[in-house]
Amino acid sequence: MKAVLTGRHFMLGDIACAEGAMAAGCNFFGGYPITPATETAERMALRLPQVGGHYIQMEDEIGSLAAVLGASCAGAKAMTATSGPGFSLMQENIGLGIVTETPCVIVNVQRGGPSTGLPTLAGQADMMQAKWGSHGDYEAIAYVPNSCQEMFDFTIKAFNTAEKYRQPVFVMADEIIGHMTERVVIPGPKKIKLVSRKRPKGKKNYLPFKPDKDLIPPMALAGEGHAIHVTGLTHDARGYPVIDEETQHEMVTRLIEKIRRNAPKIWEFEEVMTEDADIVVVSYGAASRSAGRAVNIARKEGIKAGLMRLITAWPFPEKRIKELAESAKAFVVPEINMGQISREVERFASGRVLSVTHAGGGMLSPEAVLQKIKEVAK
């Protein structure tokens, strides 16, 4: 049996994602081919059996996520990967994963849309779908890599966060990052910190959805002998359906608060030259590479610009945006969509917020971002 890879590699982003999943202990992948995420599924089909895991190709993306949820309930670290149309099909089962508090990882390598759109070309227009795509109230957790190395690293982060908070977690990549090839350094297993889901201490008086003080219930596995009832209906601590407003309020409030209370621990972002910035550029994914280049040029030309690169898009790091807004005169938000995360910046920033938009199909250029920075500077 071959071990998980280590060392330095020249690797496609989608393949780095697959290797990151296995380094995180993923031992089940349920998927369905879709451009530009298919290479992740192909890699998992090849490599999972080599490390003692299981790959299954389902009839569609609905079945893929259903298989992932079932595998997770049985104790597997489970994952799927898709793109826009498949992500749309998964939304009902994403809601099921939220309400049943089933940890798993869902990778979306975004492409141009709507509908079939641009299967082989880039987009970032699924960001709000990750937050609001399934019906009902809930909180999403989403990582946004901007390199092949981060496809590896953030997939591990996503598994750890899913296991810790007992819910599906997204890796919101894009076609550019998924299909580029860069150096990826894979550390040895002892250097990779992994998180395991909280388990019940015993079977006596165990209630599968009774939370601890951190609002997260310990999770028993199917087949261990616990009395477990799992349903997508509103349920009480036993997991039994209770159709009334009190139970609904208690359940939904807890599902939301277990993420909101811990949001400061989940938030991650990288800042470059924001200390004295008059203009803060907020970006993520492939677009942040262009944004970083534009900020460097602006600085050389005497414009006090800085970059805040999102690592977690959800929960959105609102506190830091508010802090930056106390000194920054304006924000510029470049993204490969028609303005989605820019709306979040607008909610929490007191100054001007300008979008640099691109409908998809190509990379957002540094020149376009720089032009907007100069426009604001004037």
Protein backbone atom coordinates (compact mmCIF):
# COMPACT_ATOMS: atom_id res chain seq x y z
CA MET A 1 0.00 0.00 0.00
CA LYS A 2 1.45 3.38 -1.02
CA ALA A 3 1.64 6.13 1.56
CA VAL A 4 0.32 9.65 1.20
CA LEU A 5 2.76 11.76 -0.83
CA THR A 6 5.42 13.92 0.82
CA GLY A 7 8.12 16.26 -0.48
CA ARG A 8 8.17 18.81 -3.30
CA HIS A 9 6.01 18.34 -6.39
CA PHE A 10 5.03 20.26 -9.52
CA MET A 11 1.30 19.75 -9.31
CA LEU A 12 -2.06 20.79 -10.80
CA GLY A 13 -4.31 22.64 -8.35
CA ASP A 14 -7.07 20.04 -8.56
CA ILE A 15 -4.57 17.27 -7.87
CA ALA A 16 -3.10 19.21 -4.94
CA CYS A 17 -6.63 19.35 -3.53
CA ALA A 18 -6.93 15.56 -3.74
CA GLU A 19 -3.56 15.05 -2.10
CA GLY A 20 -4.51 17.51 0.64
CA ALA A 21 -7.67 15.54 1.30
CA MET A 22 -5.74 12.30 1.72
CA ALA A 23 -3.18 14.03 3.94
CA ALA A 24 -6.15 15.12 6.09
CA GLY A 25 -7.26 11.51 6.42
CA CYS A 26 -9.99 11.49 3.78
CA ASN A 27 -10.91 7.89 3.07
CA PHE A 28 -14.12 8.32 1.05
CA PHE A 29 -14.89 10.31 -2.08
CA GLY A 30 -18.31 10.34 -3.69
CA GLY A 31 -18.34 12.23 -6.95
CA TYR A 32 -19.52 12.83 -10.48
CA PRO A 33 -17.30 14.22 -13.27
CA ILE A 34 -17.67 17.91 -14.06
CA THR A 35 -15.27 20.41 -15.59
CA PRO A 36 -13.13 22.00 -14.14
CA ALA A 37 -13.15 19.76 -11.03
CA THR A 38 -12.87 16.36 -12.73
CA GLU A 39 -9.12 16.05 -12.15
CA THR A 40 -9.74 15.93 -8.40
CA ALA A 41 -12.14 13.02 -8.84
CA GLU A 42 -9.74 11.27 -11.22
CA ARG A 43 -6.89 11.60 -8.75
CA MET A 44 -9.01 10.30 -5.90
CA ALA A 45 -10.16 7.35 -8.03
CA LEU A 46 -6.52 6.45 -8.58
CA ARG A 47 -5.04 7.22 -5.19
CA LEU A 48 -7.70 6.44 -2.59
CA PRO A 49 -7.47 2.65 -3.07
CA GLN A 50 -3.69 2.98 -2.67
CA VAL A 51 -4.10 4.47 0.82
CA GLY A 52 -6.94 2.20 1.95
CA GLY A 53 -9.81 4.52 1.02
CA HIS A 54 -12.87 4.18 -1.19
CA TYR A 55 -13.93 6.07 -4.31
CA ILE A 56 -17.43 5.80 -5.71
CA GLN A 57 -18.82 7.54 -8.77
CA MET A 58 -22.51 8.19 -8.33
CA GLU A 59 -25.25 8.76 -10.90
CA ASP A 60 -25.21 12.53 -10.35
CA GLU A 61 -24.16 15.23 -7.91
CA ILE A 62 -27.26 14.73 -5.77
CA GLY A 63 -26.29 11.12 -5.16
CA SER A 64 -22.64 12.09 -4.71
CA LEU A 65 -23.29 14.27 -1.68
CA ALA A 66 -25.83 11.80 -0.30
CA ALA A 67 -23.12 9.12 -0.39
CA VAL A 68 -20.66 11.49 1.28
CA LEU A 69 -23.11 12.24 4.12
CA GLY A 70 -23.80 8.57 4.64
CA ALA A 71 -20.10 7.70 4.70
CA SER A 72 -19.44 10.46 7.22
CA CYS A 73 -22.20 9.16 9.50
CA ALA A 74 -20.40 5.81 9.45
CA GLY A 75 -17.14 7.46 10.54
CA ALA A 76 -15.38 8.23 7.28
CA LYS A 77 -13.69 11.51 6.49
CA ALA A 78 -15.64 12.19 3.32
CA MET A 79 -15.45 14.65 0.45
CA THR A 80 -16.80 15.54 -2.97
CA ALA A 81 -15.69 17.99 -5.66
CA THR A 82 -17.82 19.75 -8.26
CA SER A 83 -18.43 22.97 -10.17
CA GLY A 84 -21.36 25.38 -10.61
CA PRO A 85 -24.13 23.17 -12.06
CA GLY A 86 -23.23 20.30 -9.73
CA PHE A 87 -23.04 22.68 -6.78
CA SER A 88 -26.59 23.78 -7.60
CA LEU A 89 -27.76 20.16 -7.54
CA MET A 90 -26.10 19.61 -4.17
CA GLN A 91 -27.91 22.42 -2.38
CA GLU A 92 -30.70 20.29 -0.90
CA ASN A 93 -28.23 17.80 0.54
CA ILE A 94 -26.05 20.65 1.79
CA GLY A 95 -29.05 21.66 3.88
CA LEU A 96 -29.40 18.06 5.02
CA GLY A 97 -25.75 18.05 6.08
CA ILE A 98 -26.28 21.27 8.01
CA VAL A 99 -29.38 20.12 9.90
CA THR A 100 -27.97 16.66 10.66
CA GLU A 101 -24.61 18.22 11.60
CA THR A 102 -22.66 15.86 9.38
CA PRO A 103 -19.02 16.84 8.78
CA CYS A 104 -17.74 16.67 5.21
CA VAL A 105 -15.86 18.76 2.64
CA ILE A 106 -17.36 20.09 -0.60
CA VAL A 107 -14.94 21.54 -3.15
CA ASN A 108 -16.36 23.88 -5.78
CA VAL A 109 -13.94 24.72 -8.61
CA GLN A 110 -15.96 27.64 -9.94
CA ARG A 111 -16.53 28.31 -13.64
CA GLY A 112 -18.46 30.87 -15.66
CA GLY A 113 -22.26 30.70 -15.39
CA PRO A 114 -25.26 30.83 -15.15
CA SER A 115 -26.46 27.38 -16.26
CA THR A 116 -23.93 25.40 -18.32
CA GLY A 117 -22.08 28.65 -18.93
CA LEU A 118 -18.36 28.32 -19.58
CA PRO A 119 -17.34 24.80 -18.50
CA THR A 120 -13.60 25.28 -19.13
CA LEU A 121 -13.22 28.92 -18.09
CA ALA A 122 -13.02 30.75 -14.78
CA GLY A 123 -15.58 32.38 -12.55
CA GLN A 124 -16.12 33.31 -8.90
CA ALA A 125 -19.86 33.81 -9.07
CA ASP A 126 -20.85 30.99 -6.67
CA MET A 127 -19.69 32.86 -3.57
CA MET A 128 -23.14 33.97 -2.48
CA GLN A 129 -24.54 30.56 -3.39
CA ALA A 130 -22.14 29.05 -0.86
CA LYS A 131 -23.64 31.33 1.78
CA TRP A 132 -27.33 31.28 0.80
CA GLY A 133 -27.74 28.41 -1.69
CA SER A 134 -29.72 26.01 0.45
CA HIS A 135 -33.07 27.06 1.91
CA GLY A 136 -33.50 28.05 5.53
CA ASP A 137 -31.21 29.84 7.95
CA TYR A 138 -27.69 28.56 8.58
CA GLU A 139 -24.07 29.70 8.67
CA ALA A 140 -21.55 28.66 6.02
CA ILE A 141 -17.80 28.10 6.32
CA ALA A 142 -15.80 28.56 3.12
CA TYR A 143 -12.08 28.74 2.31
CA VAL A 144 -10.82 30.49 -0.85
CA PRO A 145 -7.37 29.33 -2.07
CA ASN A 146 -5.27 31.41 -4.44
CA SER A 147 -2.49 28.92 -5.25
CA CYS A 148 -1.89 25.22 -5.78
CA GLN A 149 -0.15 25.10 -2.40
CA GLU A 150 -3.28 26.51 -0.80
CA MET A 151 -5.43 23.96 -2.62
CA PHE A 152 -3.47 21.40 -0.60
CA ASP A 153 -3.35 23.39 2.64
CA PHE A 154 -6.91 24.68 2.65
CA THR A 155 -8.39 21.26 1.95
CA ILE A 156 -6.76 20.11 5.19
CA LYS A 157 -8.13 23.21 6.94
CA ALA A 158 -11.60 22.42 5.61
CA PHE A 159 -11.52 18.86 6.96
CA ASN A 160 -10.33 20.05 10.37
CA THR A 161 -13.02 22.71 10.55
CA ALA A 162 -15.74 20.31 9.40
CA GLU A 163 -14.77 17.77 12.05
CA LYS A 164 -14.52 20.42 14.79
CA TYR A 165 -17.84 22.16 14.14
CA ARG A 166 -19.81 19.20 12.76
CA GLN A 167 -20.99 20.60 9.45
CA PRO A 168 -20.19 20.66 5.73
CA VAL A 169 -17.32 23.02 4.85
CA PHE A 170 -16.61 24.47 1.40
CA VAL A 171 -13.39 24.99 -0.51
CA MET A 172 -14.38 27.67 -3.04
CA ALA A 173 -11.63 27.46 -5.64
CA ASP A 174 -11.87 28.65 -9.25
CA GLU A 175 -10.88 27.25 -12.64
CA ILE A 176 -7.68 29.27 -12.79
CA ILE A 177 -6.37 27.89 -9.50
CA GLY A 178 -7.74 24.41 -10.20
CA HIS A 179 -6.06 24.16 -13.60
CA MET A 180 -2.76 25.94 -12.98
CA THR A 181 0.39 23.98 -12.16
CA GLU A 182 2.77 25.16 -9.43
CA ARG A 183 5.16 23.83 -6.84
CA VAL A 184 3.44 22.16 -3.89
CA VAL A 185 5.36 21.23 -0.76
CA ILE A 186 3.78 18.34 1.14
CA PRO A 187 5.08 17.92 4.70
CA GLY A 188 5.38 14.63 6.48
CA PRO A 189 2.34 13.29 8.35
CA LYS A 190 3.79 14.25 11.76
CA LYS A 191 3.87 17.91 10.71
CA ILE A 192 0.21 18.01 9.66
CA LYS A 193 -2.15 18.83 12.51
CA LEU A 194 -5.44 16.97 12.24
CA VAL A 195 -8.67 17.44 14.17
CA SER A 196 -11.00 14.58 15.07
CA ARG A 197 -14.72 14.97 15.66
CA LYS A 198 -15.97 14.97 19.22
CA ARG A 199 -17.20 11.52 20.27
CA PRO A 200 -19.64 10.50 23.06
CA LYS A 201 -18.06 9.20 26.27
CA GLY A 202 -20.55 6.39 26.67
CA LYS A 203 -23.85 4.95 25.48
CA LYS A 204 -25.88 5.56 28.63
CA ASN A 205 -28.34 8.44 28.27
CA TYR A 206 -26.71 9.48 24.98
CA LEU A 207 -28.72 12.00 22.98
CA PRO A 208 -27.29 12.44 19.46
CA PHE A 209 -28.14 16.14 19.17
CA LYS A 210 -27.66 17.29 22.77
CA PRO A 211 -24.90 19.92 22.60
CA ASP A 212 -22.08 20.55 25.02
CA LYS A 213 -21.39 24.07 26.26
CA ASP A 214 -19.69 24.86 22.96
CA LEU A 215 -23.06 24.15 21.24
CA ILE A 216 -21.56 21.17 19.37
CA PRO A 217 -22.98 17.71 20.15
CA PRO A 218 -20.67 14.69 20.36
CA MET A 219 -21.20 12.46 17.33
CA ALA A 220 -21.76 8.71 17.57
CA LEU A 221 -21.19 6.59 14.49
CA ALA A 222 -23.69 4.34 12.79
CA GLY A 223 -23.21 0.72 13.83
CA GLU A 224 -21.65 1.38 17.24
CA GLY A 225 -24.80 0.41 19.14
CA HIS A 226 -26.08 3.86 20.04
CA ALA A 227 -29.76 4.61 19.63
CA ILE A 228 -29.67 7.20 16.85
CA HIS A 229 -32.45 8.80 14.83
CA VAL A 230 -31.41 11.11 12.00
CA THR A 231 -33.85 13.23 10.02
CA GLY A 232 -33.93 16.35 7.88
CA LEU A 233 -37.02 17.47 9.79
CA THR A 234 -36.82 19.86 12.70
CA HIS A 235 -35.80 17.66 15.62
CA ASP A 236 -35.07 17.65 19.33
CA ALA A 237 -31.96 16.41 21.15
CA ARG A 238 -33.04 12.80 20.53
CA GLY A 239 -33.12 13.43 16.77
CA TYR A 240 -36.88 12.84 16.73
CA PRO A 241 -39.06 15.14 14.59
CA VAL A 242 -40.88 17.78 16.62
CA ILE A 243 -42.94 20.08 14.44
CA ASP A 244 -43.46 23.23 16.45
CA GLU A 245 -42.01 26.72 16.54
CA GLU A 246 -40.23 26.33 19.87
CA THR A 247 -38.16 23.36 18.68
CA GLN A 248 -37.48 25.08 15.36
CA HIS A 249 -36.23 28.22 17.09
CA GLU A 250 -34.04 26.29 19.50
CA MET A 251 -32.50 24.08 16.79
CA VAL A 252 -31.85 26.77 14.18
CA THR A 253 -30.52 29.24 16.72
CA ARG A 254 -28.00 26.71 17.97
CA LEU A 255 -26.87 25.73 14.45
CA ILE A 256 -26.21 29.38 13.68
CA GLU A 257 -24.68 30.33 17.02
CA LYS A 258 -22.17 27.46 17.07
CA ILE A 259 -20.53 29.17 14.07
CA ARG A 260 -21.16 32.83 14.94
CA ARG A 261 -19.74 32.47 18.46
CA ASN A 262 -16.63 30.86 17.04
CA ALA A 263 -16.31 33.15 14.01
CA PRO A 264 -13.23 34.99 15.40
CA LYS A 265 -11.49 31.59 15.64
CA ILE A 266 -12.51 30.67 12.07
CA TRP A 267 -11.72 33.99 10.36
CA GLU A 268 -8.48 33.96 8.39
CA PHE A 269 -7.04 36.61 6.12
CA GLU A 270 -3.68 37.94 4.97
CA GLU A 271 -2.79 41.60 4.93
CA VAL A 272 -0.09 43.43 2.98
CA MET A 273 0.70 47.11 3.64
CA THR A 274 -2.65 47.89 5.27
CA GLU A 275 -1.13 49.67 8.29
CA ASP A 276 -1.12 53.10 6.61
CA ALA A 277 -3.34 52.35 3.61
CA ASP A 278 -5.77 54.98 2.37
CA ILE A 279 -7.18 52.43 -0.10
CA VAL A 280 -7.67 48.82 0.97
CA VAL A 281 -8.12 46.24 -1.78
CA VAL A 282 -10.15 43.23 -0.61
CA SER A 283 -9.90 40.18 -2.83
CA TYR A 284 -9.69 36.37 -2.86
CA GLY A 285 -8.83 33.38 -5.03
CA ALA A 286 -7.28 33.96 -8.45
CA ALA A 287 -8.40 37.60 -8.47
CA SER A 288 -6.26 38.30 -5.39
CA ARG A 289 -3.12 37.50 -7.38
CA SER A 290 -3.91 40.35 -9.75
CA ALA A 291 -4.95 42.53 -6.81
CA GLY A 292 -1.60 42.00 -5.10
CA ARG A 293 0.28 42.99 -8.24
CA ALA A 294 -1.84 46.14 -8.62
CA VAL A 295 -1.23 47.15 -4.98
CA ASN A 296 2.54 46.80 -5.41
CA ILE A 297 2.51 49.00 -8.53
CA ALA A 298 0.31 51.57 -6.80
CA ARG A 299 2.75 51.78 -3.88
CA LYS A 300 5.65 52.37 -6.27
CA GLU A 301 3.67 55.24 -7.76
CA GLY A 302 3.13 56.83 -4.37
CA ILE A 303 -0.44 55.66 -3.69
CA LYS A 304 -1.02 54.30 -0.20
CA ALA A 305 -2.78 51.06 -1.14
CA GLY A 306 -2.93 47.84 0.84
CA LEU A 307 -4.29 44.34 0.31
CA MET A 308 -6.58 42.27 2.49
CA ARG A 309 -6.73 38.79 0.99
CA LEU A 310 -9.55 36.62 2.27
CA ILE A 311 -8.68 33.08 3.32
CA THR A 312 -12.15 32.50 4.74
CA ALA A 313 -14.93 34.16 2.81
CA TRP A 314 -17.52 32.70 5.20
CA PRO A 315 -17.94 33.55 7.96
CA PHE A 316 -17.02 36.96 6.62
CA PRO A 317 -14.36 38.78 8.73
CA GLU A 318 -16.60 41.76 9.40
CA LYS A 319 -14.73 42.90 12.51
CA ARG A 320 -11.50 43.43 10.58
CA ILE A 321 -13.29 45.32 7.80
CA LYS A 322 -14.77 47.66 10.42
CA GLU A 323 -11.33 48.21 11.93
CA LEU A 324 -9.75 49.00 8.55
CA ALA A 325 -12.63 51.36 7.75
CA GLU A 326 -11.63 53.56 10.69
CA SER A 327 -8.53 54.74 8.81
CA ALA A 328 -9.00 53.76 5.16
CA LYS A 329 -10.75 56.25 2.90
CA ALA A 330 -12.01 53.66 0.43
CA PHE A 331 -12.15 49.97 -0.41
CA VAL A 332 -11.69 48.35 -3.83
CA VAL A 333 -13.05 44.83 -4.30
CA PRO A 334 -11.85 42.91 -7.39
CA GLU A 335 -13.61 39.60 -8.11
CA ILE A 336 -14.50 37.44 -11.12
CA ASN A 337 -18.22 38.06 -10.82
CA MET A 338 -20.48 41.09 -11.07
CA GLY A 339 -20.03 42.12 -7.44
CA GLN A 340 -20.81 39.61 -4.67
CA ILE A 341 -18.29 39.89 -1.83
CA SER A 342 -18.20 43.65 -2.47
CA ARG A 343 -21.70 43.75 -0.98
CA GLU A 344 -20.36 42.27 2.24
CA VAL A 345 -17.61 44.88 2.37
CA GLU A 346 -20.25 47.59 1.85
CA ARG A 347 -22.20 46.28 4.85
CA PHE A 348 -19.33 46.83 7.26
CA ALA A 349 -17.18 49.59 5.74
CA SER A 350 -18.07 53.20 6.40
CA GLY A 351 -16.09 54.62 3.44
CA ARG A 352 -16.46 54.28 -0.30
CA VAL A 353 -16.55 50.77 -1.74
CA LEU A 354 -15.88 50.27 -5.44
CA SER A 355 -16.13 46.98 -7.30
CA VAL A 356 -13.84 45.75 -10.04
CA THR A 357 -16.01 43.20 -11.80
CA HIS A 358 -15.52 40.57 -14.47
CA ALA A 359 -18.35 38.34 -15.67
CA GLY A 360 -16.09 35.32 -15.96
CA GLY A 361 -14.19 33.50 -18.64
CA GLY A 362 -10.78 34.99 -17.95
CA MET A 363 -8.43 36.39 -15.36
CA LEU A 364 -9.10 39.79 -13.89
CA SER A 365 -6.08 41.85 -14.94
CA PRO A 366 -3.79 43.82 -12.58
CA GLU A 367 -4.29 46.80 -14.91
CA ALA A 368 -8.04 46.83 -14.28
CA VAL A 369 -7.50 46.82 -10.53
CA LEU A 370 -4.78 49.46 -10.73
CA GLN A 371 -7.03 51.72 -12.81
CA LYS A 372 -9.71 51.57 -10.12
CA ILE A 373 -7.15 52.28 -7.38
CA LYS A 374 -5.96 55.36 -9.28
CA GLU A 375 -9.54 56.47 -9.85
CA VAL A 376 -10.18 56.34 -6.13
CA ALA A 377 -6.88 58.04 -5.30
CA LYS A 378 -7.81 61.08 -7.37
